[in-house]
Protein backbone atom coordinates (compact mmCIF):
# COMPACT_ATOMS: atom_id res chain seq x y z
CA MET A 1 -14.36 -15.18 -7.62
CA GLN A 2 -13.90 -13.06 -4.50
CA PRO A 3 -15.28 -14.47 -1.24
CA PHE A 4 -18.38 -12.99 0.37
CA PRO A 5 -17.79 -10.28 2.97
CA VAL A 6 -17.54 -11.68 6.48
CA PHE A 7 -20.87 -10.20 7.50
CA CYS A 8 -22.57 -12.30 4.80
CA VAL A 9 -20.53 -15.40 5.61
CA LEU A 10 -21.38 -15.33 9.26
CA LEU A 11 -25.01 -14.42 8.81
CA TYR A 12 -25.70 -17.04 6.19
CA GLU A 13 -23.20 -19.81 6.83
CA ARG A 14 -22.98 -20.00 10.61
CA GLN A 15 -25.66 -20.94 13.09
CA LYS A 16 -27.54 -18.29 15.02
CA PRO A 17 -26.73 -18.18 18.76
CA ASP A 18 -30.20 -19.49 19.65
CA ASP A 19 -29.79 -22.38 17.20
CA ARG A 20 -26.44 -23.24 18.76
CA LYS A 21 -27.89 -23.26 22.28
CA GLU A 22 -30.67 -25.59 21.21
CA ARG A 23 -28.14 -27.83 19.46
CA GLU A 24 -25.96 -28.00 22.56
CA LYS A 25 -28.98 -28.87 24.74
CA LEU A 26 -29.90 -31.65 22.33
CA MET A 27 -26.33 -32.99 22.33
CA ARG A 28 -26.18 -33.07 26.08
CA ARG A 29 -29.51 -34.85 26.27
CA LYS A 30 -27.91 -37.51 24.09
CA GLY A 31 -25.02 -37.80 26.55
CA MET A 32 -22.56 -36.04 24.24
CA GLU A 33 -20.45 -33.08 25.27
CA ARG A 34 -19.46 -30.26 23.00
CA VAL A 35 -15.92 -29.12 22.31
CA THR A 36 -15.55 -25.41 21.87
CA ALA A 37 -12.08 -24.12 21.18
CA GLY A 38 -10.25 -20.96 21.00
CA VAL A 39 -11.20 -17.39 20.44
CA LEU A 40 -8.57 -14.81 19.77
CA ALA A 41 -8.94 -11.10 19.41
CA ALA A 42 -5.85 -9.03 18.88
CA VAL A 43 -6.07 -5.31 18.31
CA MET A 44 -3.29 -3.46 16.61
CA ALA A 45 -3.63 0.29 16.55
CA VAL A 46 -1.56 2.89 14.74
CA GLY A 47 -1.53 6.37 16.17
CA MET A 48 -0.06 9.78 15.51
CA THR A 49 2.58 11.02 17.91
CA GLY A 50 1.60 14.12 19.84
CA CYS A 51 -1.18 15.30 17.53
CA ALA A 52 -4.12 17.09 19.16
CA ASN A 53 -7.68 16.12 18.36
CA SER A 54 -10.89 18.10 18.78
CA GLY A 55 -14.46 16.83 18.97
CA MET A 56 -15.32 13.82 16.80
CA SER A 57 -18.64 13.19 15.15
CA GLY A 58 -20.28 11.34 12.27
CA THR A 59 -20.93 7.69 11.46
CA THR A 60 -18.95 4.87 9.95
CA ALA A 61 -18.93 4.82 6.13
CA ASP A 62 -18.11 1.77 4.01
CA LEU A 63 -15.44 2.97 1.56
CA THR A 64 -14.57 -0.48 0.24
CA GLY A 65 -15.89 0.23 -3.25
CA GLN A 66 -13.49 3.15 -3.69
CA TYR A 67 -10.43 0.91 -3.51
CA GLY A 68 -9.08 -2.17 -5.22
CA THR A 69 -10.16 -0.80 -8.61
CA LYS A 70 -6.73 -0.62 -10.23
CA GLU A 71 -6.33 -2.41 -13.50
CA GLU A 72 -5.22 -5.99 -13.11
CA GLY A 73 -1.47 -6.26 -12.72
CA GLN A 74 -1.01 -2.92 -10.95
CA THR A 75 -1.52 -3.94 -7.33
CA GLU A 76 1.22 -3.73 -4.72
CA GLY A 77 1.90 -5.53 -1.48
CA THR A 78 1.11 -8.94 -0.13
CA GLY A 79 -2.07 -10.47 1.16
CA ALA A 80 -4.51 -13.29 1.44
CA ASN A 81 -4.50 -13.88 -2.30
CA GLY A 82 -0.74 -14.39 -2.32
CA GLN A 83 0.17 -11.15 -4.07
CA THR A 84 3.38 -9.37 -3.22
CA GLY A 85 5.37 -6.48 -4.69
CA GLN A 86 4.29 -5.13 -8.07
CA ALA A 87 3.08 -7.46 -10.79
CA GLU A 88 2.43 -6.81 -14.46
CA ASP A 89 0.01 -9.72 -14.69
CA THR A 90 -1.52 -12.37 -12.46
CA GLY A 91 0.82 -15.08 -13.70
CA THR A 92 4.05 -13.30 -12.76
CA GLU A 93 4.12 -14.49 -9.16
CA ASP A 94 3.14 -18.05 -10.07
CA THR A 95 6.06 -18.16 -12.50
CA ALA A 96 8.40 -16.70 -9.89
CA MET A 97 7.31 -19.25 -7.34
CA GLU A 98 7.78 -22.11 -9.79
CA GLU A 99 11.28 -20.91 -10.60
CA LYS A 100 12.15 -20.81 -6.89
CA ASP A 101 10.74 -24.31 -6.23
CA LEU A 102 7.38 -23.81 -4.60
CA GLY A 103 7.63 -27.07 -2.68
CA ALA A 104 10.84 -26.06 -0.94
CA ILE A 105 9.50 -22.59 -0.12
CA ARG A 106 6.26 -24.03 1.24
CA GLU A 107 8.18 -26.46 3.46
CA ALA A 108 10.38 -23.61 4.70
CA PHE A 109 7.25 -21.61 5.50
CA GLU A 110 5.71 -24.45 7.51
CA TYR A 111 8.80 -24.60 9.72
CA SER A 112 9.05 -20.80 9.90
CA TYR A 113 5.38 -20.36 10.78
CA THR A 114 5.60 -23.02 13.49
CA GLN A 115 8.65 -21.28 14.95
CA PHE A 116 6.76 -17.96 14.96
CA SER A 117 3.84 -19.69 16.69
CA LEU A 118 6.07 -21.05 19.46
CA ASN A 119 7.89 -17.72 19.82
CA LEU A 120 4.56 -15.91 20.16
CA LEU A 121 3.22 -18.45 22.67
CA ARG A 122 6.37 -18.40 24.80
CA GLU A 123 6.55 -14.61 25.07
CA SER A 124 2.79 -14.28 25.58
CA ARG A 125 2.88 -16.95 28.29
CA LYS A 126 5.53 -14.94 30.16
CA GLN A 127 3.15 -11.99 30.19
CA VAL A 128 0.24 -14.14 31.37
CA GLN A 129 2.27 -15.86 34.09
CA ASN A 130 3.86 -12.59 35.29
CA GLY A 131 6.07 -14.46 37.72
CA GLU A 132 3.33 -16.89 38.71
CA ASP A 133 2.65 -20.44 37.54
CA ALA A 134 -0.51 -22.34 36.66
CA LYS A 135 -2.15 -19.92 34.26
CA ASN A 136 -3.46 -21.05 30.87
CA THR A 137 -2.41 -19.23 27.70
CA MET A 138 -3.72 -19.37 24.14
CA VAL A 139 -2.83 -17.38 21.02
CA CYS A 140 -3.91 -17.48 17.39
CA PRO A 141 -0.68 -17.06 15.42
CA LEU A 142 -2.54 -16.88 12.10
CA SER A 143 -4.64 -13.89 13.13
CA VAL A 144 -1.69 -12.03 14.63
CA MET A 145 0.41 -12.75 11.55
CA MET A 146 -2.26 -11.54 9.14
CA ALA A 147 -2.84 -8.27 11.01
CA LEU A 148 0.88 -7.60 11.25
CA GLU A 149 1.34 -8.53 7.59
CA MET A 150 -1.20 -5.84 6.68
CA ALA A 151 0.77 -3.37 8.78
CA ARG A 152 4.02 -4.53 7.14
CA THR A 153 2.49 -3.66 3.77
CA GLY A 154 2.44 -0.02 4.91
CA ALA A 155 5.93 -0.15 6.41
CA ASP A 156 9.27 0.67 4.82
CA GLY A 157 12.98 0.51 5.57
CA ASP A 158 14.25 -1.04 8.79
CA THR A 159 10.74 -1.13 10.26
CA LYS A 160 9.58 -3.42 7.47
CA GLN A 161 12.73 -5.52 7.73
CA GLN A 162 12.29 -6.10 11.47
CA MET A 163 8.64 -7.04 11.08
CA GLY A 164 9.52 -9.52 8.33
CA ALA A 165 12.22 -11.14 10.46
CA VAL A 166 9.78 -11.64 13.35
CA LEU A 167 6.93 -12.96 11.21
CA TYR A 168 9.06 -15.24 9.00
CA PRO A 169 12.04 -16.45 11.06
CA GLY A 170 14.66 -18.22 9.00
CA MET A 171 13.26 -17.38 5.56
CA SER A 172 12.67 -14.53 3.12
CA ALA A 173 9.72 -12.37 4.18
CA GLU A 174 8.71 -11.97 0.53
CA ASP A 175 8.58 -15.74 0.02
CA GLY A 176 6.86 -16.21 3.36
CA SER A 177 4.14 -13.69 2.62
CA MET A 178 3.38 -15.30 -0.74
CA VAL A 179 2.99 -18.74 0.82
CA LEU A 180 0.95 -17.31 3.69
CA GLY A 181 -1.54 -15.92 1.21
CA ARG A 182 -1.81 -19.22 -0.65
CA ILE A 183 -2.32 -21.24 2.53
CA CYS A 184 -4.94 -18.84 3.90
CA LYS A 185 -6.91 -19.19 0.67
CA SER A 186 -6.76 -22.99 0.88
CA LEU A 187 -7.56 -23.64 4.55
CA PRO A 188 -10.41 -26.18 4.73
CA ASP A 189 -13.92 -24.82 5.21
CA ALA A 190 -16.52 -27.58 5.18
CA GLU A 191 -19.72 -28.57 6.95
CA GLY A 192 -17.92 -30.43 9.72
CA ALA A 193 -15.22 -27.79 10.19
CA ARG A 194 -16.16 -24.20 9.45
CA PHE A 195 -13.30 -21.75 8.97
CA HIS A 196 -13.61 -18.09 7.98
CA MET A 197 -11.09 -15.26 8.07
CA SER A 198 -11.58 -11.60 7.19
CA ASP A 199 -9.74 -8.30 7.26
CA SER A 200 -10.83 -4.69 7.54
CA VAL A 201 -9.20 -1.27 7.73
CA TRP A 202 -10.71 1.61 9.69
CA VAL A 203 -9.50 5.13 8.81
CA LYS A 204 -10.15 8.25 10.87
CA THR A 205 -12.09 10.82 8.85
CA ALA A 206 -12.58 13.52 11.51
CA ASP A 207 -10.39 16.62 11.80
CA ASP A 208 -8.28 15.77 8.72
CA ALA A 209 -5.92 14.09 11.17
CA PHE A 210 -4.59 11.51 8.72
CA VAL A 211 -4.39 11.05 4.96
CA PRO A 212 -4.20 7.36 4.02
CA ASP A 213 -2.09 6.33 1.06
CA GLU A 214 -4.43 5.21 -1.72
CA ASN A 215 -1.98 2.57 -2.92
CA PHE A 216 -1.99 1.09 0.59
CA LEU A 217 -5.79 0.97 0.69
CA ASP A 218 -5.88 -0.47 -2.84
CA THR A 219 -3.48 -3.18 -1.71
CA VAL A 220 -5.33 -4.21 1.44
CA LYS A 221 -8.56 -4.29 -0.55
CA THR A 222 -7.23 -6.38 -3.44
CA ALA A 223 -4.59 -8.45 -1.64
CA TYR A 224 -6.43 -9.13 1.61
CA ASP A 225 -10.04 -8.79 0.43
CA ALA A 226 -10.26 -6.22 3.22
CA GLU A 227 -13.21 -3.94 3.76
CA VAL A 228 -12.31 -0.26 4.20
CA PHE A 229 -14.28 1.99 6.55
CA GLY A 230 -14.09 5.72 7.20
CA ALA A 231 -15.15 6.69 10.71
CA PRO A 232 -14.96 9.59 13.17
CA PHE A 233 -13.16 7.49 15.81
CA ASP A 234 -15.58 8.40 18.56
CA GLU A 235 -17.63 6.12 20.78
CA THR A 236 -19.77 5.05 17.81
CA THR A 237 -16.67 3.79 16.00
CA CYS A 238 -15.61 1.85 19.08
CA ARG A 239 -19.02 0.18 19.14
CA ASP A 240 -18.87 -0.54 15.39
CA ILE A 241 -15.46 -2.23 15.64
CA ASN A 242 -16.60 -4.30 18.62
CA ARG A 243 -19.78 -5.23 16.78
CA LEU A 244 -17.80 -6.37 13.74
CA VAL A 245 -15.47 -8.45 15.90
CA GLU A 246 -18.41 -10.01 17.74
CA GLN A 247 -20.13 -10.95 14.49
CA GLU A 248 -17.02 -12.30 12.84
CA THR A 249 -16.03 -14.40 15.85
CA ASP A 250 -19.54 -15.83 16.13
CA GLY A 251 -20.17 -13.98 19.37
CA MET A 252 -17.12 -15.37 21.18
CA ILE A 253 -15.47 -11.96 21.57
CA THR A 254 -17.97 -9.29 22.48
CA GLU A 255 -15.49 -6.47 23.17
CA ILE A 256 -11.94 -5.90 22.03
CA LEU A 257 -11.78 -2.11 22.38
CA ASP A 258 -12.81 -0.31 25.55
CA GLN A 259 -12.12 3.12 24.05
CA ILE A 260 -10.38 4.76 21.10
CA PRO A 261 -7.39 6.93 22.07
CA GLU A 262 -7.44 10.55 20.96
CA LEU A 263 -4.39 10.06 18.76
CA ALA A 264 -5.56 6.90 16.97
CA VAL A 265 -5.84 7.35 13.20
CA MET A 266 -6.20 3.79 11.84
CA TYR A 267 -7.21 0.28 12.90
CA LEU A 268 -6.26 -2.89 11.03
CA VAL A 269 -8.61 -5.72 11.98
CA ASN A 270 -8.33 -9.43 11.28
CA ALA A 271 -11.05 -11.84 12.41
CA VAL A 272 -11.07 -15.64 12.41
CA ALA A 273 -13.98 -17.96 13.15
CA PHE A 274 -13.46 -21.72 13.50
CA ASP A 275 -16.07 -24.33 14.44
CA ALA A 276 -15.34 -28.05 14.09
CA GLU A 277 -16.79 -31.30 15.39
CA TRP A 278 -14.79 -34.32 16.43
CA GLU A 279 -14.62 -37.00 13.74
CA THR A 280 -15.66 -39.39 16.52
CA PRO A 281 -17.53 -37.58 19.31
CA TYR A 282 -17.07 -38.75 22.88
CA ASP A 283 -19.89 -40.80 24.32
CA GLU A 284 -21.24 -40.03 27.78
CA SER A 285 -19.72 -43.25 29.11
CA GLN A 286 -16.25 -42.03 28.06
CA ILE A 287 -16.43 -38.92 30.25
CA GLN A 288 -15.48 -39.48 33.89
CA ASP A 289 -14.41 -37.48 36.92
CA ALA A 290 -10.64 -37.29 37.33
CA THR A 291 -7.92 -35.20 38.98
CA PHE A 292 -5.61 -32.77 37.17
CA TYR A 293 -2.33 -32.02 38.94
CA ALA A 294 -0.87 -28.54 38.49
CA GLU A 295 2.90 -28.05 38.57
CA ASP A 296 2.74 -27.11 42.26
CA GLY A 297 1.23 -30.52 42.97
CA SER A 298 -2.24 -29.29 43.80
CA GLY A 299 -5.10 -31.45 42.55
CA GLN A 300 -8.10 -30.06 40.69
CA GLU A 301 -11.22 -31.99 39.75
CA VAL A 302 -11.90 -32.25 36.00
CA SER A 303 -14.12 -34.14 33.57
CA MET A 304 -11.74 -36.40 31.64
CA MET A 305 -12.68 -37.66 28.17
CA TYR A 306 -11.19 -41.12 27.56
CA ASP A 307 -10.67 -42.80 24.20
CA THR A 308 -8.25 -44.93 22.17
CA THR A 309 -6.43 -43.69 19.09
CA TYR A 310 -3.70 -44.75 16.68
CA ARG A 311 -2.33 -41.21 16.26
CA TYR A 312 0.59 -41.56 18.67
CA LEU A 313 3.25 -38.82 18.81
CA THR A 314 6.65 -39.14 20.40
CA MET A 315 9.67 -36.87 20.75
CA GLU A 316 12.56 -36.43 23.15
CA HIS A 317 11.23 -35.59 26.63
CA ALA A 318 7.55 -35.62 25.58
CA LYS A 319 4.81 -37.73 24.06
CA GLY A 320 1.33 -37.02 22.81
CA PHE A 321 -1.45 -37.74 20.36
CA CYS A 322 -3.61 -36.33 17.58
CA ARG A 323 -7.40 -36.44 17.56
CA ALA A 324 -9.16 -35.66 14.30
CA TYR A 325 -11.96 -33.24 13.58
CA LYS A 326 -14.37 -34.05 10.78
CA GLU A 327 -12.75 -31.97 8.04
CA GLY A 328 -9.13 -30.97 7.60
CA TYR A 329 -7.98 -30.25 11.16
CA ASP A 330 -6.46 -32.11 14.12
CA PHE A 331 -6.27 -31.45 17.84
CA VAL A 332 -2.68 -32.11 18.96
CA ALA A 333 -1.62 -32.56 22.59
CA LEU A 334 1.94 -33.02 23.90
CA LEU A 335 2.75 -33.96 27.49
CA PRO A 336 6.28 -33.43 28.89
CA GLU A 337 7.83 -36.43 30.59
CA GLU A 338 7.35 -36.92 34.32
CA GLY A 339 9.57 -34.61 36.35
CA LEU A 340 10.05 -32.07 33.54
CA SER A 341 8.13 -28.84 33.95
CA LEU A 342 6.10 -27.48 31.06
CA SER A 343 8.01 -24.19 31.32
CA LYS A 344 11.45 -25.76 30.93
CA TRP A 345 10.34 -28.09 28.14
CA LEU A 346 8.57 -25.31 26.24
CA GLU A 347 11.62 -23.03 26.42
CA GLU A 348 13.74 -25.68 24.68
CA LEU A 349 11.16 -26.70 22.06
CA ASP A 350 11.94 -25.43 18.54
CA GLY A 351 9.66 -25.07 15.54
CA GLU A 352 11.32 -27.76 13.43
CA THR A 353 11.05 -30.42 16.14
CA PHE A 354 7.46 -29.49 16.92
CA HIS A 355 6.45 -29.50 13.26
CA GLU A 356 8.12 -32.85 12.55
CA THR A 357 6.51 -34.36 15.64
CA ILE A 358 2.94 -33.42 14.73
CA ARG A 359 3.53 -34.70 11.18
CA GLN A 360 4.48 -38.18 12.42
CA GLU A 361 2.58 -41.21 11.19
CA ASN A 362 2.55 -43.83 13.93
CA ASP A 363 0.03 -46.67 14.08
CA THR A 364 0.60 -47.54 17.74
CA MET A 365 -2.67 -47.82 19.62
CA ILE A 366 -2.83 -45.70 22.76
CA GLU A 367 -5.33 -44.90 25.45
CA THR A 368 -5.87 -41.16 25.84
CA GLY A 369 -7.43 -38.84 28.36
CA LEU A 370 -8.29 -35.26 27.40
CA PRO A 371 -9.85 -33.00 30.05
CA GLN A 372 -12.71 -30.72 29.20
CA PHE A 373 -11.41 -27.20 29.70
CA THR A 374 -12.31 -23.60 29.21
CA GLY A 375 -10.17 -20.49 29.40
CA GLU A 376 -9.61 -16.92 28.31
CA THR A 377 -6.45 -14.97 27.57
CA ASP A 378 -6.34 -11.18 27.32
CA LEU A 379 -3.05 -9.72 26.09
CA GLU A 380 -1.44 -6.51 24.91
CA LEU A 381 1.35 -7.72 22.64
CA LYS A 382 3.56 -4.62 22.37
CA ASP A 383 6.17 -5.94 24.82
CA THR A 384 5.91 -9.45 23.36
CA LEU A 385 6.55 -8.30 19.79
CA THR A 386 9.29 -5.92 20.90
CA ALA A 387 11.03 -8.80 22.68
CA LEU A 388 10.72 -10.90 19.52
CA GLY A 389 12.65 -8.28 17.55
CA MET A 390 10.44 -5.54 16.06
CA PRO A 391 10.84 -2.52 18.39
CA LEU A 392 10.96 0.04 15.57
CA ALA A 393 7.29 -0.48 14.71
CA PHE A 394 6.36 0.89 18.15
CA ASP A 395 8.89 3.75 18.21
CA GLU A 396 6.97 7.03 17.91
CA GLU A 397 9.89 8.81 16.27
CA GLN A 398 11.69 6.07 14.32
CA ALA A 399 8.82 3.91 13.00
CA ASP A 400 8.50 4.07 9.23
CA PHE A 401 4.94 3.49 8.01
CA SER A 402 5.29 6.03 5.22
CA LYS A 403 3.57 3.71 2.73
CA MET A 404 0.45 3.71 4.90
CA GLY A 405 -0.23 7.44 4.78
CA TYR A 406 0.76 10.68 6.51
CA CYS A 407 -0.37 13.29 9.01
CA PRO A 408 -0.82 16.76 7.46
CA ASP A 409 0.94 18.36 10.43
CA GLY A 410 4.05 16.25 9.75
CA ARG A 411 3.80 14.02 12.83
CA ASN A 412 4.99 10.43 12.53
CA ILE A 413 2.76 7.36 12.91
CA SER A 414 3.59 4.14 14.73
CA ILE A 415 1.88 1.10 16.19
CA SER A 416 0.56 1.96 19.63
CA ARG A 417 -1.19 -1.27 20.68
CA VAL A 418 -1.63 -4.87 19.64
CA LEU A 419 -4.50 -6.28 21.70
CA HIS A 420 -5.01 -10.02 21.76
CA LYS A 421 -7.99 -11.79 23.28
CA THR A 422 -8.75 -15.51 23.26
CA HIS A 423 -11.37 -17.87 24.59
CA ILE A 424 -11.53 -21.66 24.44
CA ASP A 425 -13.95 -24.36 25.57
CA VAL A 426 -13.18 -28.04 25.03
CA ASP A 427 -15.67 -30.84 25.56
CA GLY A 428 -16.91 -33.89 23.68
CA LEU A 429 -18.41 -32.77 20.36
CA GLY A 430 -15.93 -30.55 18.61
CA THR A 431 -14.14 -27.20 18.71
CA LYS A 432 -15.30 -23.66 18.18
CA ALA A 433 -12.73 -20.91 17.85
CA GLY A 434 -12.63 -17.28 16.89
CA ALA A 435 -9.91 -14.72 16.43
CA ALA A 436 -9.75 -11.01 15.80
CA THR A 437 -6.67 -8.88 15.41
CA VAL A 438 -6.90 -5.10 15.42
CA VAL A 439 -3.84 -2.99 14.71
CA GLU A 440 -4.13 0.47 16.24
CA MET A 441 -2.06 3.10 14.50
CA CYS A 442 -1.63 6.32 16.45
CA LYS A 443 0.10 9.49 15.70
CA GLU A 444 3.24 9.57 17.34
CA THR A 445 -5.91 -53.58 19.44
CA ALA A 446 -5.30 -57.10 17.85
CA MET A 447 -2.45 -57.45 20.32
CA VAL A 448 -3.04 -58.32 23.96
CA GLU A 449 -0.18 -56.09 25.03
CA GLN A 450 -1.07 -53.23 27.37
CA PRO A 451 -1.38 -50.12 25.16
CA GLU A 452 0.51 -46.88 25.80
CA ARG A 453 -1.49 -44.45 27.94
CA ILE A 454 -1.36 -40.66 27.61
CA ILE A 455 -3.62 -39.06 30.17
CA LEU A 456 -3.45 -35.28 30.19
CA ASP A 457 -3.74 -34.96 33.96
CA ARG A 458 -0.92 -32.44 34.33
CA PRO A 459 0.17 -29.31 32.38
CA PHE A 460 0.35 -29.86 28.62
CA LEU A 461 0.73 -28.08 25.28
CA TYR A 462 -2.03 -28.25 22.69
CA ALA A 463 -2.62 -26.96 19.17
CA ILE A 464 -5.33 -26.99 16.54
CA VAL A 465 -3.47 -27.74 13.32
CA GLU A 466 -4.37 -27.89 9.66
CA LYS A 467 -3.76 -31.46 8.47
CA ASP A 468 -2.20 -30.77 5.07
CA THR A 469 0.47 -28.34 6.29
CA GLY A 470 0.63 -29.14 9.99
CA ILE A 471 0.61 -25.42 10.86
CA PRO A 472 -0.99 -24.42 14.18
CA VAL A 473 -4.03 -22.19 13.70
CA PHE A 474 -4.37 -21.98 17.49
CA ILE A 475 -1.78 -22.97 20.10
CA GLY A 476 -1.87 -22.88 23.89
CA THR A 477 -1.12 -24.44 27.25
CA VAL A 478 -3.39 -25.93 29.91
CA GLU A 479 -1.86 -25.53 33.36
CA SER A 480 -4.76 -25.15 35.79
CA PHE A 481 -8.52 -25.34 36.20
């Protein structure tokens, strides 16, 4: 059975904004704070190099029903259902995965994905800091990966190879994309932890500027359950994309596009909505005023949430803890040792070490302090992704997205922008997070011993991870208030 479109999921499965406000008021009256975590919106646009465009008009049309109608076994590409390449029947890939040892491939993916997450965070943090310290950063690796994976489906040659190497470091991109699809289909979505992810493709219909490849649209429809829209790419399209992102992130991102460039011919959009409650909410008595010390030594007043837990994490030069949500997810925090800056520690942290650390099982009781925090990150990821190793995708002349479609005037298409927007609020009840990625294509206690204490009163790394795999759905740093 195919999942409901995101519009239906959000309208029928998530609370209305007014309901949420009333719920938060009620919680606060009971002395309980609410944890709201991470919103991401990344926009990836593909545009045509140097192609003129006259007046645009018309309205957005839902073309989804025109695609994904190939006979079973004839789809191409990779997506959220785990399909990749060409398959004669639905069992072909399962057999191939079994022959390759699915367990080993899945383990390799978990390490690879975690490495990609750290790579993305590190490079994004450099952009946020811009030579300055004490700025918070958050990214949603899953949303960025899914949007770029859709774009990779339309790529060929060296462009596709570079994108695969960035998305799946240390493993085969084909194996990685298959496991990615399987994991995305199995991420927990329950009453105590709501998780939804959706994809859509927006194609310019005005001026005959671009002819999309039907196989590509068939693939994104069948493999990613993506909706396909035809639109004039005028101000009405900009509003429609923003409206979709706002709905699919539960109102956490109200605008991702400020305008649509004249040369834009396609948008690839991924949206993620996440809303979870703590397994054990903080009581009012556990929330106290405290001081957070930035790396420059300045003190900032915060509301610190204190608790005890048995989910103790330890690694060389850092220690931390896990705190569980109600269903299938953990909040992970790691604090570098005294005297070691977050920047230096983060630069040396690798995906394997991070993954093994958050998968530890340690029954040591510890006292913890987690500050309530809120933050936003607004990024354009072109430089970040270029630095990670995929410059060809952004090269107006050399990019190869020939499997995505073509411009009738012969101009090449490339990725022009990858916009990334996040928001996070953390308090005592749970975590709410949203993510949207748009790819813009343009032409050209029994013991009396004193327990360990981990109080996050200085810069730290955090992640929202899926329990079964340990992969970070969201990852970020808190460095100031």
